[in-house]
Amino acid sequence: MNWKKSLVERLGNQCRVCNQNDIEKLDIDFINGQEYLEDQYFENKDEMYVWFVLHFKEESEYLQSICIDCKSKKREDKSIPLSKLEEFYFTPRAMDNQEIMRWMDKKAEELLVFLRENKQFVSIERRLERHYGDLRDKFTEIDRNIALIEYEKKWLPKRFADVIEQDLNENPEIKSLVEKHHRPKIPDTGH
């Protein structure tokens, strides 16, 4: 299947600038000038076109058909790489929950300013937020669950605490997180 042609057809089979309607001369126009960012985001053009067709409702807001002649006259500002978005999503160091919440609030404000000034990032940021935004919540859930594991180990009868310990030994990644987790000391129950 020709995914690019399918996308052009879904976008309207006509250049939005000059009304050219020869399908062979039509291409995809990235309304906010984000084509260079999409090239960094996707492995290749085919993967990109498949994504746009499969998520047409959300993505079509930032796309339109354009003829090759009109597209050649457009210029994109390619000075800011896609990696700039990482600054708004990944903490530069390990933080506790309160620090993470303050950091996220600060970064949310900075992100709004950045998107107002750099519209080419809007479609990709919305895609990340829509599809991956709850990952941050999942990471804070991990922290909460680690605290629960630690708590349960301290307060359960020894034979049950031993079962948790055995599970942790079979899952070294989780055990490492539990061992590194620092909480106010819970009274020792003797095991």
N, C-alpha and C. Protein backbone atom coordinates (compact mmCIF):
# COMPACT_ATOMS: atom_id res chain seq x y z
N MET A 1 0.84 -1.19 0.00
CA MET A 1 0.00 0.00 0.00
C MET A 1 0.88 1.25 0.00
N ASN A 2 0.49 2.25 -0.76
CA ASN A 2 1.20 3.51 -0.80
C ASN A 2 0.59 4.44 0.27
N TRP A 3 1.22 4.46 1.45
CA TRP A 3 0.67 5.21 2.59
C TRP A 3 0.68 6.71 2.35
N LYS A 4 1.70 7.19 1.66
CA LYS A 4 1.77 8.63 1.38
C LYS A 4 0.61 9.05 0.48
N LYS A 5 0.37 8.28 -0.57
CA LYS A 5 -0.73 8.58 -1.48
C LYS A 5 -2.07 8.51 -0.74
N SER A 6 -2.21 7.52 0.10
CA SER A 6 -3.43 7.39 0.90
C SER A 6 -3.63 8.62 1.78
N LEU A 7 -2.55 9.11 2.37
CA LEU A 7 -2.63 10.29 3.23
C LEU A 7 -3.01 11.53 2.42
N VAL A 8 -2.38 11.70 1.25
CA VAL A 8 -2.71 12.84 0.38
C VAL A 8 -4.19 12.81 0.01
N GLU A 9 -4.69 11.63 -0.33
CA GLU A 9 -6.11 11.50 -0.69
C GLU A 9 -7.01 11.88 0.48
N ARG A 10 -6.64 11.44 1.66
CA ARG A 10 -7.45 11.76 2.84
C ARG A 10 -7.40 13.25 3.17
N LEU A 11 -6.30 13.90 2.80
CA LEU A 11 -6.16 15.33 3.06
C LEU A 11 -6.87 16.19 2.02
N GLY A 12 -7.33 15.57 0.94
CA GLY A 12 -8.16 16.34 0.01
C GLY A 12 -7.76 16.38 -1.44
N ASN A 13 -6.71 15.68 -1.88
CA ASN A 13 -6.38 15.61 -3.31
C ASN A 13 -6.24 16.95 -4.01
N GLN A 14 -5.87 17.98 -3.28
CA GLN A 14 -5.75 19.30 -3.91
C GLN A 14 -4.77 20.16 -3.12
N CYS A 15 -3.91 20.87 -3.84
CA CYS A 15 -2.96 21.76 -3.19
C CYS A 15 -3.73 22.89 -2.49
N ARG A 16 -3.42 23.12 -1.22
CA ARG A 16 -4.11 24.17 -0.44
C ARG A 16 -3.66 25.57 -0.82
N VAL A 17 -2.57 25.66 -1.61
CA VAL A 17 -2.06 26.97 -2.00
C VAL A 17 -2.55 27.36 -3.39
N CYS A 18 -2.35 26.46 -4.38
CA CYS A 18 -2.67 26.82 -5.77
C CYS A 18 -3.78 25.98 -6.39
N ASN A 19 -4.37 25.06 -5.63
CA ASN A 19 -5.47 24.20 -6.08
C ASN A 19 -5.08 23.14 -7.11
N GLN A 20 -3.79 22.89 -7.29
CA GLN A 20 -3.34 21.80 -8.17
C GLN A 20 -4.00 20.50 -7.70
N ASN A 21 -4.53 19.69 -8.65
CA ASN A 21 -5.22 18.47 -8.22
C ASN A 21 -4.68 17.20 -8.89
N ASP A 22 -3.49 17.28 -9.49
CA ASP A 22 -2.84 16.08 -10.04
C ASP A 22 -2.18 15.34 -8.88
N ILE A 23 -2.72 14.18 -8.56
CA ILE A 23 -2.25 13.41 -7.40
C ILE A 23 -0.75 13.12 -7.46
N GLU A 24 -0.21 12.98 -8.66
CA GLU A 24 1.22 12.68 -8.82
C GLU A 24 2.10 13.88 -8.45
N LYS A 25 1.52 15.08 -8.46
CA LYS A 25 2.30 16.28 -8.13
C LYS A 25 2.03 16.79 -6.72
N LEU A 26 1.25 16.02 -5.95
CA LEU A 26 0.91 16.46 -4.60
C LEU A 26 1.82 15.80 -3.55
N ASP A 27 2.05 16.53 -2.49
CA ASP A 27 2.88 16.08 -1.39
C ASP A 27 2.19 16.46 -0.08
N ILE A 28 2.84 16.15 1.03
CA ILE A 28 2.32 16.49 2.35
C ILE A 28 2.95 17.79 2.80
N ASP A 29 2.11 18.70 3.30
CA ASP A 29 2.60 19.96 3.85
C ASP A 29 2.41 19.93 5.37
N PHE A 30 3.46 20.25 6.09
CA PHE A 30 3.42 20.31 7.54
C PHE A 30 3.15 21.76 7.92
N ILE A 31 1.94 22.03 8.34
CA ILE A 31 1.43 23.39 8.51
C ILE A 31 2.33 24.27 9.38
N ASN A 32 2.83 23.72 10.48
CA ASN A 32 3.66 24.52 11.39
C ASN A 32 5.15 24.43 11.09
N GLY A 33 5.51 23.83 9.95
CA GLY A 33 6.92 23.70 9.60
C GLY A 33 7.65 22.65 10.40
N GLN A 34 6.94 21.59 10.76
CA GLN A 34 7.53 20.57 11.64
C GLN A 34 8.08 19.36 10.91
N GLU A 35 8.20 19.41 9.58
CA GLU A 35 8.67 18.23 8.85
C GLU A 35 10.04 17.77 9.33
N TYR A 36 10.96 18.68 9.56
CA TYR A 36 12.30 18.29 10.00
C TYR A 36 12.26 17.60 11.37
N LEU A 37 11.31 18.00 12.22
CA LEU A 37 11.16 17.35 13.53
C LEU A 37 10.58 15.95 13.38
N GLU A 38 9.62 15.81 12.46
CA GLU A 38 9.04 14.48 12.21
C GLU A 38 10.11 13.53 11.67
N ASP A 39 11.03 14.05 10.86
CA ASP A 39 12.12 13.21 10.36
C ASP A 39 13.01 12.72 11.50
N GLN A 40 13.14 13.51 12.55
CA GLN A 40 13.91 13.10 13.72
C GLN A 40 13.10 12.14 14.60
N TYR A 41 11.79 12.32 14.62
CA TYR A 41 10.91 11.52 15.49
C TYR A 41 10.73 10.10 14.97
N PHE A 42 10.51 9.97 13.66
CA PHE A 42 10.23 8.66 13.08
C PHE A 42 11.50 8.03 12.50
N GLU A 43 11.49 6.69 12.43
CA GLU A 43 12.61 5.95 11.84
C GLU A 43 12.78 6.29 10.36
N ASN A 44 11.67 6.37 9.64
CA ASN A 44 11.72 6.64 8.20
C ASN A 44 10.38 7.22 7.74
N LYS A 45 10.33 7.66 6.51
CA LYS A 45 9.11 8.30 5.97
C LYS A 45 7.92 7.34 5.95
N ASP A 46 8.15 6.08 5.59
CA ASP A 46 7.04 5.14 5.54
C ASP A 46 6.38 4.99 6.91
N GLU A 47 7.20 4.86 7.96
CA GLU A 47 6.66 4.75 9.32
C GLU A 47 5.84 6.00 9.66
N MET A 48 6.34 7.16 9.24
CA MET A 48 5.65 8.41 9.50
C MET A 48 4.28 8.44 8.81
N TYR A 49 4.24 8.08 7.52
CA TYR A 49 2.97 8.11 6.80
C TYR A 49 1.97 7.10 7.36
N VAL A 50 2.44 5.94 7.75
CA VAL A 50 1.56 4.94 8.37
C VAL A 50 0.95 5.53 9.64
N TRP A 51 1.80 6.15 10.47
CA TRP A 51 1.31 6.75 11.71
C TRP A 51 0.23 7.79 11.42
N PHE A 52 0.50 8.66 10.43
CA PHE A 52 -0.46 9.73 10.12
C PHE A 52 -1.79 9.17 9.62
N VAL A 53 -1.74 8.12 8.83
CA VAL A 53 -2.99 7.52 8.33
C VAL A 53 -3.74 6.85 9.49
N LEU A 54 -3.01 6.12 10.33
CA LEU A 54 -3.66 5.41 11.44
C LEU A 54 -4.19 6.35 12.52
N HIS A 55 -3.58 7.51 12.64
CA HIS A 55 -4.00 8.51 13.65
C HIS A 55 -4.46 9.79 12.95
N PHE A 56 -5.18 9.60 11.86
CA PHE A 56 -5.54 10.72 11.00
C PHE A 56 -6.33 11.81 11.73
N LYS A 57 -7.27 11.40 12.57
CA LYS A 57 -8.12 12.39 13.25
C LYS A 57 -7.29 13.41 14.02
N GLU A 58 -6.30 12.92 14.79
CA GLU A 58 -5.48 13.83 15.60
C GLU A 58 -4.43 14.55 14.75
N GLU A 59 -3.78 13.83 13.85
CA GLU A 59 -2.64 14.38 13.13
C GLU A 59 -3.03 15.30 11.97
N SER A 60 -4.21 15.11 11.39
CA SER A 60 -4.60 15.91 10.21
C SER A 60 -4.74 17.39 10.53
N GLU A 61 -4.88 17.72 11.79
CA GLU A 61 -4.96 19.12 12.20
C GLU A 61 -3.68 19.89 11.83
N TYR A 62 -2.56 19.16 11.67
CA TYR A 62 -1.27 19.79 11.42
C TYR A 62 -0.72 19.50 10.02
N LEU A 63 -1.57 18.90 9.17
CA LEU A 63 -1.15 18.50 7.82
C LEU A 63 -2.11 19.02 6.78
N GLN A 64 -1.61 19.16 5.55
CA GLN A 64 -2.47 19.47 4.41
C GLN A 64 -1.75 19.03 3.14
N SER A 65 -2.51 18.95 2.05
CA SER A 65 -1.91 18.62 0.75
C SER A 65 -1.30 19.88 0.15
N ILE A 66 -0.20 19.68 -0.54
CA ILE A 66 0.46 20.80 -1.23
C ILE A 66 1.15 20.25 -2.47
N CYS A 67 1.23 21.03 -3.52
CA CYS A 67 1.93 20.56 -4.70
C CYS A 67 3.43 20.75 -4.52
N ILE A 68 4.19 20.04 -5.30
CA ILE A 68 5.66 20.06 -5.18
C ILE A 68 6.21 21.47 -5.42
N ASP A 69 5.61 22.20 -6.37
CA ASP A 69 6.09 23.56 -6.67
C ASP A 69 5.88 24.50 -5.48
N CYS A 70 4.70 24.46 -4.90
CA CYS A 70 4.43 25.34 -3.75
C CYS A 70 5.28 24.94 -2.54
N LYS A 71 5.49 23.64 -2.38
CA LYS A 71 6.29 23.17 -1.24
C LYS A 71 7.74 23.64 -1.36
N SER A 72 8.26 23.69 -2.58
CA SER A 72 9.65 24.10 -2.77
C SER A 72 9.87 25.57 -2.38
N LYS A 73 8.81 26.36 -2.35
CA LYS A 73 8.92 27.78 -1.99
C LYS A 73 8.88 28.00 -0.47
N LYS A 74 8.44 26.97 0.28
CA LYS A 74 8.35 27.10 1.74
C LYS A 74 9.71 26.93 2.38
N ARG A 75 9.92 27.63 3.48
CA ARG A 75 11.16 27.50 4.25
C ARG A 75 10.80 27.13 5.68
N GLU A 76 11.60 26.25 6.27
CA GLU A 76 11.40 25.86 7.66
C GLU A 76 12.56 26.35 8.50
N ASP A 77 12.27 26.76 9.72
CA ASP A 77 13.32 27.10 10.67
C ASP A 77 13.73 25.80 11.35
N LYS A 78 14.93 25.29 11.02
CA LYS A 78 15.40 24.01 11.53
C LYS A 78 16.42 24.18 12.65
N SER A 79 16.41 25.33 13.29
CA SER A 79 17.47 25.64 14.25
C SER A 79 17.32 24.93 15.60
N ILE A 80 16.10 24.46 15.94
CA ILE A 80 15.91 23.82 17.25
C ILE A 80 15.61 22.34 17.05
N PRO A 81 16.45 21.45 17.60
CA PRO A 81 16.25 20.01 17.39
C PRO A 81 15.13 19.45 18.26
N LEU A 82 14.63 18.29 17.88
CA LEU A 82 13.58 17.61 18.62
C LEU A 82 14.00 17.33 20.06
N SER A 83 15.27 17.10 20.27
CA SER A 83 15.77 16.80 21.62
C SER A 83 15.45 17.91 22.63
N LYS A 84 15.14 19.10 22.15
CA LYS A 84 14.78 20.21 23.04
C LYS A 84 13.58 19.83 23.91
N LEU A 85 12.65 19.02 23.38
CA LEU A 85 11.47 18.61 24.15
C LEU A 85 11.84 17.77 25.36
N GLU A 86 12.97 17.06 25.29
CA GLU A 86 13.38 16.21 26.41
C GLU A 86 13.58 17.01 27.68
N GLU A 87 13.97 18.26 27.55
CA GLU A 87 14.19 19.11 28.73
C GLU A 87 12.91 19.28 29.54
N PHE A 88 11.76 19.12 28.90
CA PHE A 88 10.49 19.32 29.59
C PHE A 88 9.93 18.02 30.17
N TYR A 89 10.55 16.89 29.84
CA TYR A 89 10.00 15.61 30.25
C TYR A 89 10.89 14.80 31.18
N PHE A 90 12.19 15.01 31.13
CA PHE A 90 13.10 14.18 31.90
C PHE A 90 13.84 15.00 32.94
N THR A 91 13.81 14.53 34.18
CA THR A 91 14.49 15.26 35.25
C THR A 91 16.00 15.09 35.09
N PRO A 92 16.75 16.14 35.37
CA PRO A 92 18.20 16.07 35.21
C PRO A 92 18.89 15.25 36.30
N ARG A 93 18.17 14.94 37.39
CA ARG A 93 18.78 14.19 38.50
C ARG A 93 17.68 13.48 39.26
N ALA A 94 18.09 12.59 40.15
CA ALA A 94 17.11 11.89 40.99
C ALA A 94 16.48 12.88 41.96
N MET A 95 15.16 12.75 42.14
CA MET A 95 14.45 13.66 43.03
C MET A 95 13.43 12.88 43.84
N ASP A 96 13.04 13.47 44.98
CA ASP A 96 11.95 12.85 45.72
C ASP A 96 10.63 13.34 45.13
N ASN A 97 9.51 12.81 45.64
CA ASN A 97 8.20 13.13 45.06
C ASN A 97 7.89 14.62 45.05
N GLN A 98 8.17 15.31 46.15
CA GLN A 98 7.86 16.74 46.21
C GLN A 98 8.70 17.52 45.22
N GLU A 99 9.98 17.17 45.11
CA GLU A 99 10.85 17.85 44.14
C GLU A 99 10.36 17.60 42.72
N ILE A 100 9.95 16.36 42.43
CA ILE A 100 9.44 16.04 41.09
C ILE A 100 8.20 16.86 40.77
N MET A 101 7.28 16.98 41.73
CA MET A 101 6.05 17.74 41.49
C MET A 101 6.37 19.22 41.23
N ARG A 102 7.27 19.79 42.03
CA ARG A 102 7.66 21.20 41.79
C ARG A 102 8.32 21.35 40.43
N TRP A 103 9.21 20.40 40.10
CA TRP A 103 9.92 20.44 38.82
C TRP A 103 8.93 20.35 37.66
N MET A 104 7.94 19.43 37.78
CA MET A 104 6.96 19.26 36.71
C MET A 104 6.10 20.52 36.53
N ASP A 105 5.70 21.15 37.63
CA ASP A 105 4.91 22.39 37.53
C ASP A 105 5.70 23.49 36.83
N LYS A 106 6.96 23.63 37.21
CA LYS A 106 7.83 24.64 36.59
C LYS A 106 8.01 24.35 35.10
N LYS A 107 8.26 23.07 34.77
CA LYS A 107 8.48 22.71 33.37
C LYS A 107 7.20 22.86 32.54
N ALA A 108 6.05 22.62 33.13
CA ALA A 108 4.78 22.80 32.40
C ALA A 108 4.61 24.25 31.96
N GLU A 109 4.95 25.18 32.86
CA GLU A 109 4.86 26.61 32.51
C GLU A 109 5.87 26.95 31.41
N GLU A 110 7.09 26.47 31.56
CA GLU A 110 8.13 26.74 30.55
C GLU A 110 7.75 26.14 29.20
N LEU A 111 7.12 24.96 29.22
CA LEU A 111 6.72 24.31 27.98
C LEU A 111 5.67 25.13 27.24
N LEU A 112 4.70 25.70 27.96
CA LEU A 112 3.69 26.54 27.32
C LEU A 112 4.32 27.73 26.61
N VAL A 113 5.26 28.38 27.25
CA VAL A 113 5.97 29.51 26.64
C VAL A 113 6.73 29.05 25.41
N PHE A 114 7.44 27.93 25.55
CA PHE A 114 8.23 27.39 24.43
C PHE A 114 7.34 27.06 23.23
N LEU A 115 6.18 26.44 23.46
CA LEU A 115 5.28 26.07 22.36
C LEU A 115 4.66 27.30 21.69
N ARG A 116 4.40 28.34 22.48
CA ARG A 116 3.88 29.57 21.87
C ARG A 116 4.90 30.19 20.92
N GLU A 117 6.16 30.08 21.27
CA GLU A 117 7.23 30.67 20.46
C GLU A 117 7.72 29.75 19.34
N ASN A 118 7.45 28.45 19.45
CA ASN A 118 7.95 27.47 18.48
C ASN A 118 6.84 26.50 18.09
N LYS A 119 5.93 26.97 17.25
CA LYS A 119 4.74 26.20 16.90
C LYS A 119 5.05 24.87 16.20
N GLN A 120 6.24 24.75 15.63
CA GLN A 120 6.58 23.50 14.94
C GLN A 120 6.62 22.31 15.91
N PHE A 121 6.72 22.57 17.21
CA PHE A 121 6.78 21.48 18.20
C PHE A 121 5.39 21.07 18.71
N VAL A 122 4.36 21.86 18.41
CA VAL A 122 3.04 21.64 19.00
C VAL A 122 2.50 20.25 18.71
N SER A 123 2.52 19.83 17.44
CA SER A 123 1.92 18.54 17.09
C SER A 123 2.63 17.37 17.77
N ILE A 124 3.95 17.42 17.84
CA ILE A 124 4.69 16.33 18.46
C ILE A 124 4.49 16.34 19.97
N GLU A 125 4.47 17.50 20.59
CA GLU A 125 4.25 17.57 22.04
C GLU A 125 2.86 17.04 22.38
N ARG A 126 1.86 17.39 21.60
CA ARG A 126 0.51 16.88 21.86
C ARG A 126 0.45 15.36 21.69
N ARG A 127 1.18 14.87 20.70
CA ARG A 127 1.25 13.41 20.48
C ARG A 127 1.90 12.74 21.69
N LEU A 128 3.01 13.29 22.16
CA LEU A 128 3.68 12.72 23.33
C LEU A 128 2.76 12.76 24.54
N GLU A 129 2.11 13.88 24.74
CA GLU A 129 1.22 14.02 25.90
C GLU A 129 0.05 13.05 25.81
N ARG A 130 -0.51 12.92 24.63
CA ARG A 130 -1.68 12.05 24.45
C ARG A 130 -1.32 10.58 24.65
N HIS A 131 -0.20 10.16 24.10
CA HIS A 131 0.13 8.74 24.10
C HIS A 131 1.07 8.32 25.22
N TYR A 132 1.87 9.27 25.74
CA TYR A 132 2.86 8.89 26.73
C TYR A 132 2.79 9.71 28.01
N GLY A 133 1.88 10.65 28.07
CA GLY A 133 1.81 11.58 29.20
C GLY A 133 1.62 10.91 30.54
N ASP A 134 0.86 9.83 30.57
CA ASP A 134 0.61 9.19 31.86
C ASP A 134 1.80 8.37 32.35
N LEU A 135 2.89 8.32 31.57
CA LEU A 135 4.09 7.62 32.05
C LEU A 135 4.62 8.26 33.32
N ARG A 136 4.54 9.60 33.39
CA ARG A 136 5.01 10.28 34.60
C ARG A 136 4.21 9.82 35.81
N ASP A 137 2.89 9.67 35.62
CA ASP A 137 2.05 9.18 36.72
C ASP A 137 2.45 7.76 37.09
N LYS A 138 2.79 6.94 36.09
CA LYS A 138 3.18 5.57 36.37
C LYS A 138 4.48 5.53 37.17
N PHE A 139 5.39 6.47 36.87
CA PHE A 139 6.64 6.50 37.63
C PHE A 139 6.39 6.88 39.09
N THR A 140 5.48 7.81 39.34
CA THR A 140 5.18 8.14 40.73
C THR A 140 4.46 6.98 41.40
N GLU A 141 3.70 6.21 40.64
CA GLU A 141 3.07 5.00 41.18
C GLU A 141 4.13 3.99 41.61
N ILE A 142 5.19 3.86 40.82
CA ILE A 142 6.28 2.95 41.18
C ILE A 142 6.81 3.34 42.56
N ASP A 143 7.03 4.64 42.76
CA ASP A 143 7.55 5.12 44.02
C ASP A 143 6.61 4.77 45.16
N ARG A 144 5.32 4.97 44.95
CA ARG A 144 4.32 4.64 45.97
C ARG A 144 4.31 3.16 46.27
N ASN A 145 4.38 2.33 45.24
CA ASN A 145 4.35 0.88 45.43
C ASN A 145 5.61 0.38 46.14
N ILE A 146 6.73 1.00 45.87
CA ILE A 146 7.97 0.63 46.56
C ILE A 146 7.82 0.90 48.06
N ALA A 147 7.24 2.05 48.38
CA ALA A 147 7.02 2.38 49.79
C ALA A 147 6.10 1.35 50.44
N LEU A 148 5.08 0.90 49.71
CA LEU A 148 4.17 -0.11 50.26
C LEU A 148 4.88 -1.44 50.50
N ILE A 149 5.75 -1.82 49.55
CA ILE A 149 6.50 -3.08 49.72
C ILE A 149 7.36 -2.99 50.98
N GLU A 150 8.06 -1.87 51.13
CA GLU A 150 8.91 -1.68 52.30
C GLU A 150 8.08 -1.74 53.58
N TYR A 151 6.95 -1.07 53.56
CA TYR A 151 6.06 -1.02 54.72
C TYR A 151 5.56 -2.43 55.08
N GLU A 152 5.09 -3.16 54.06
CA GLU A 152 4.55 -4.50 54.30
C GLU A 152 5.63 -5.44 54.85
N LYS A 153 6.84 -5.33 54.36
CA LYS A 153 7.92 -6.17 54.87
C LYS A 153 8.16 -5.93 56.36
N LYS A 154 7.99 -4.70 56.79
CA LYS A 154 8.25 -4.36 58.19
C LYS A 154 7.14 -4.85 59.11
N TRP A 155 5.89 -4.86 58.64
CA TRP A 155 4.76 -5.09 59.54
C TRP A 155 4.12 -6.47 59.42
N LEU A 156 4.39 -7.19 58.35
CA LEU A 156 3.79 -8.52 58.20
C LEU A 156 4.50 -9.54 59.10
N PRO A 157 3.79 -10.60 59.49
CA PRO A 157 4.47 -11.69 60.20
C PRO A 157 5.61 -12.22 59.34
N LYS A 158 6.62 -12.75 60.00
CA LYS A 158 7.86 -13.15 59.34
C LYS A 158 7.64 -14.05 58.13
N ARG A 159 6.77 -15.06 58.24
CA ARG A 159 6.61 -15.99 57.12
C ARG A 159 6.08 -15.29 55.88
N PHE A 160 5.23 -14.26 56.05
CA PHE A 160 4.71 -13.51 54.91
C PHE A 160 5.76 -12.52 54.38
N ALA A 161 6.50 -11.92 55.30
CA ALA A 161 7.58 -11.02 54.90
C ALA A 161 8.63 -11.78 54.11
N ASP A 162 8.86 -13.04 54.49
CA ASP A 162 9.82 -13.88 53.77
C ASP A 162 9.38 -14.14 52.33
N VAL A 163 8.06 -14.27 52.13
CA VAL A 163 7.53 -14.46 50.77
C VAL A 163 7.81 -13.22 49.93
N ILE A 164 7.60 -12.04 50.52
CA ILE A 164 7.89 -10.79 49.80
C ILE A 164 9.38 -10.72 49.49
N GLU A 165 10.20 -11.08 50.46
CA GLU A 165 11.66 -11.05 50.26
C GLU A 165 12.06 -12.00 49.13
N GLN A 166 11.44 -13.18 49.10
CA GLN A 166 11.73 -14.14 48.03
C GLN A 166 11.32 -13.57 46.66
N ASP A 167 10.15 -12.93 46.61
CA ASP A 167 9.72 -12.29 45.35
C ASP A 167 10.70 -11.22 44.92
N LEU A 168 11.18 -10.45 45.90
CA LEU A 168 12.16 -9.41 45.57
C LEU A 168 13.46 -10.01 45.05
N ASN A 169 13.88 -11.12 45.64
CA ASN A 169 15.11 -11.77 45.17
C ASN A 169 14.97 -12.28 43.74
N GLU A 170 13.74 -12.63 43.35
CA GLU A 170 13.50 -13.09 41.98
C GLU A 170 13.35 -11.93 41.00
N ASN A 171 13.22 -10.70 41.52
CA ASN A 171 13.06 -9.49 40.69
C ASN A 171 14.09 -8.46 41.15
N PRO A 172 15.37 -8.63 40.72
CA PRO A 172 16.44 -7.76 41.24
C PRO A 172 16.24 -6.28 40.94
N GLU A 173 15.56 -5.93 39.82
CA GLU A 173 15.36 -4.51 39.52
C GLU A 173 14.47 -3.86 40.58
N ILE A 174 13.40 -4.57 40.97
CA ILE A 174 12.50 -4.04 41.98
C ILE A 174 13.19 -4.04 43.35
N LYS A 175 13.93 -5.11 43.65
CA LYS A 175 14.65 -5.18 44.93
C LYS A 175 15.61 -4.00 45.06
N SER A 176 16.30 -3.69 43.99
CA SER A 176 17.23 -2.57 44.00
C SER A 176 16.51 -1.26 44.32
N LEU A 177 15.33 -1.06 43.71
CA LEU A 177 14.56 0.15 43.98
C LEU A 177 14.12 0.21 45.44
N VAL A 178 13.68 -0.93 45.98
CA VAL A 178 13.23 -0.97 47.37
C VAL A 178 14.40 -0.67 48.31
N GLU A 179 15.57 -1.25 48.02
CA GLU A 179 16.73 -1.04 48.89
C GLU A 179 17.21 0.41 48.86
N LYS A 180 17.05 1.06 47.71
CA LYS A 180 17.50 2.45 47.57
C LYS A 180 16.48 3.44 48.10
N HIS A 181 15.27 2.97 48.33
CA HIS A 181 14.18 3.86 48.72
C HIS A 181 14.38 4.34 50.16
N HIS A 182 14.39 5.64 50.36
CA HIS A 182 14.59 6.19 51.70
C HIS A 182 13.29 6.79 52.20
N ARG A 183 12.81 6.27 53.30
CA ARG A 183 11.59 6.74 53.94
C ARG A 183 11.88 6.96 55.42
N PRO A 184 11.05 7.69 56.12
CA PRO A 184 11.24 7.75 57.57
C PRO A 184 11.24 6.34 58.15
N LYS A 185 12.09 6.09 59.10
CA LYS A 185 12.26 4.74 59.63
C LYS A 185 10.95 4.23 60.21
N ILE A 186 10.59 3.01 59.79
CA ILE A 186 9.39 2.36 60.31
C ILE A 186 9.86 1.46 61.45
N PRO A 187 9.16 1.46 62.56
CA PRO A 187 9.62 0.64 63.70
C PRO A 187 9.85 -0.81 63.29
N ASP A 188 10.93 -1.37 63.75
CA ASP A 188 11.30 -2.75 63.44
C ASP A 188 10.42 -3.71 64.22
N THR A 189 9.90 -4.75 63.54
CA THR A 189 9.03 -5.72 64.21
C THR A 189 9.79 -6.97 64.58
N GLY A 190 11.09 -6.98 64.45
CA GLY A 190 11.88 -8.10 64.88
C GLY A 190 12.20 -9.10 63.80
N HIS A 191 12.01 -8.73 62.55
CA HIS A 191 12.41 -9.66 61.47
C HIS A 191 12.94 -8.90 60.28
